Protein backbone atom coordinates (compact mmCIF):
# COMPACT_ATOMS: atom_id res chain seq x y z
CA MET A 1 -10.13 6.96 3.49
CA ARG A 2 -10.19 3.23 4.19
CA ILE A 3 -6.96 1.41 3.28
CA ASP A 4 -8.70 -1.24 1.15
CA LYS A 5 -10.52 1.40 -0.86
CA TRP A 6 -7.37 3.47 -1.39
CA LEU A 7 -5.35 0.44 -2.57
CA TRP A 8 -8.11 -0.31 -5.06
CA PHE A 9 -8.40 3.34 -6.21
CA ALA A 10 -4.63 3.42 -6.78
CA ARG A 11 -4.96 0.25 -8.90
CA PHE A 12 -2.64 -1.93 -6.84
CA PHE A 13 -5.34 -4.62 -6.68
CA LYS A 14 -7.80 -5.64 -9.36
CA THR A 15 -10.74 -5.76 -6.94
CA ARG A 16 -11.49 -4.18 -3.60
CA SER A 17 -12.06 -7.60 -2.07
CA LEU A 18 -8.50 -8.65 -3.03
CA ALA A 19 -7.17 -5.52 -1.32
CA ALA A 20 -9.33 -6.26 1.73
CA ALA A 21 -8.01 -9.83 1.88
CA GLN A 22 -4.39 -8.61 1.96
CA VAL A 23 -5.23 -6.14 4.72
CA ALA A 24 -7.12 -8.76 6.75
CA ALA A 25 -4.17 -11.15 6.40
CA GLY A 26 -1.92 -8.55 8.07
CA GLU A 27 0.21 -8.06 4.96
CA VAL A 28 -0.27 -4.27 4.72
CA THR A 29 1.47 -1.73 6.95
CA VAL A 30 0.84 2.00 7.23
CA ASN A 31 3.62 4.05 8.82
CA GLU A 32 5.18 0.79 10.11
CA ALA A 33 1.95 -0.23 11.91
CA VAL A 34 0.05 -3.27 10.70
CA ALA A 35 -3.29 -2.30 9.19
CA ALA A 36 -5.20 -5.21 10.72
CA ARG A 37 -8.65 -3.97 9.67
CA THR A 38 -9.96 -2.91 6.28
CA SER A 39 -11.36 0.21 7.94
CA PHE A 40 -7.82 1.40 8.83
CA LEU A 41 -7.62 5.03 7.66
CA VAL A 42 -4.90 6.47 5.41
CA ARG A 43 -4.10 10.13 4.86
CA PRO A 44 -1.78 12.01 2.50
CA GLY A 45 1.80 11.61 3.73
CA ASP A 46 1.31 8.06 5.04
CA VAL A 47 3.78 5.38 3.92
CA VAL A 48 2.09 2.14 2.85
CA VAL A 49 3.97 -1.16 2.40
CA PHE A 50 2.27 -4.19 0.85
CA PRO A 51 3.14 -7.35 -1.12
CA ALA A 52 3.23 -7.21 -4.90
CA GLY A 53 4.20 -10.54 -6.39
CA LYS A 54 7.54 -11.68 -4.97
CA ARG A 55 8.51 -8.27 -3.59
CA ARG A 56 7.07 -5.65 -1.27
CA ARG A 57 6.09 -2.22 -2.57
CA ARG A 58 6.58 0.93 -0.53
CA VAL A 59 4.55 3.98 -1.55
CA THR A 60 3.75 7.36 -0.05
CA VAL A 61 0.13 8.50 -0.24
CA LEU A 62 -0.09 11.83 -2.08
CA ALA A 63 -3.87 12.08 -2.48
CA LEU A 64 -6.97 10.07 -1.62
CA GLY A 65 -8.85 10.20 -4.91
CA GLU A 66 -12.53 10.53 -5.73
CA ARG A 67 -12.98 7.40 -7.84
CA ARG A 68 -11.15 4.46 -9.40
CA GLY A 69 -10.13 6.18 -12.59
CA PRO A 70 -7.69 5.41 -15.40
CA ALA A 71 -4.06 4.50 -14.70
CA PRO A 72 -2.63 8.05 -15.05
CA GLU A 73 -5.18 9.31 -12.52
CA ALA A 74 -4.34 6.43 -10.17
CA GLN A 75 -0.58 7.07 -10.44
CA ALA A 76 -1.14 10.62 -9.19
CA LEU A 77 -2.36 9.21 -5.86
CA TYR A 78 1.06 7.91 -4.75
CA ARG A 79 4.84 8.19 -5.05
CA GLU A 80 6.90 5.01 -5.30
CA GLU A 81 9.64 4.80 -2.67
CA GLU A 82 12.82 2.79 -2.82
CA PRO A 83 12.30 -0.60 -1.22
CA PRO A 84 14.47 -1.29 1.80
CA PRO A 85 17.60 -3.27 0.92
CA PRO A 86 17.36 -7.00 1.57
CA GLU A 87 18.84 -8.09 4.85
CA ASP A 88 22.20 -9.80 4.50
CA PRO A 89 22.25 -12.88 6.74
CA PHE A 90 26.06 -12.81 6.72
CA ALA A 91 26.46 -9.14 7.71
CA PRO A 92 28.39 -8.53 10.94
CA CYS A 93 26.25 -7.65 13.94
């Protein structure tokens, strides 16, 4: 399934065009590869990272979905992962 469509199905973005804009801006990664096109395909098991407000969300795709349904149906499409810890600029190299 296309990444923009999946992000919209999972209710991370209010409209599909907002999801497509984030993808086109290079803000969305799938399995650590930048999803530069809205036609980038996602499959169950893929890890998707994208901006959500002031933080970045990291989710694992569990299912693709058939439609943009209610919130409980959308939450069944992914599993929230722990975000990576912020980098400490003062940590020893």
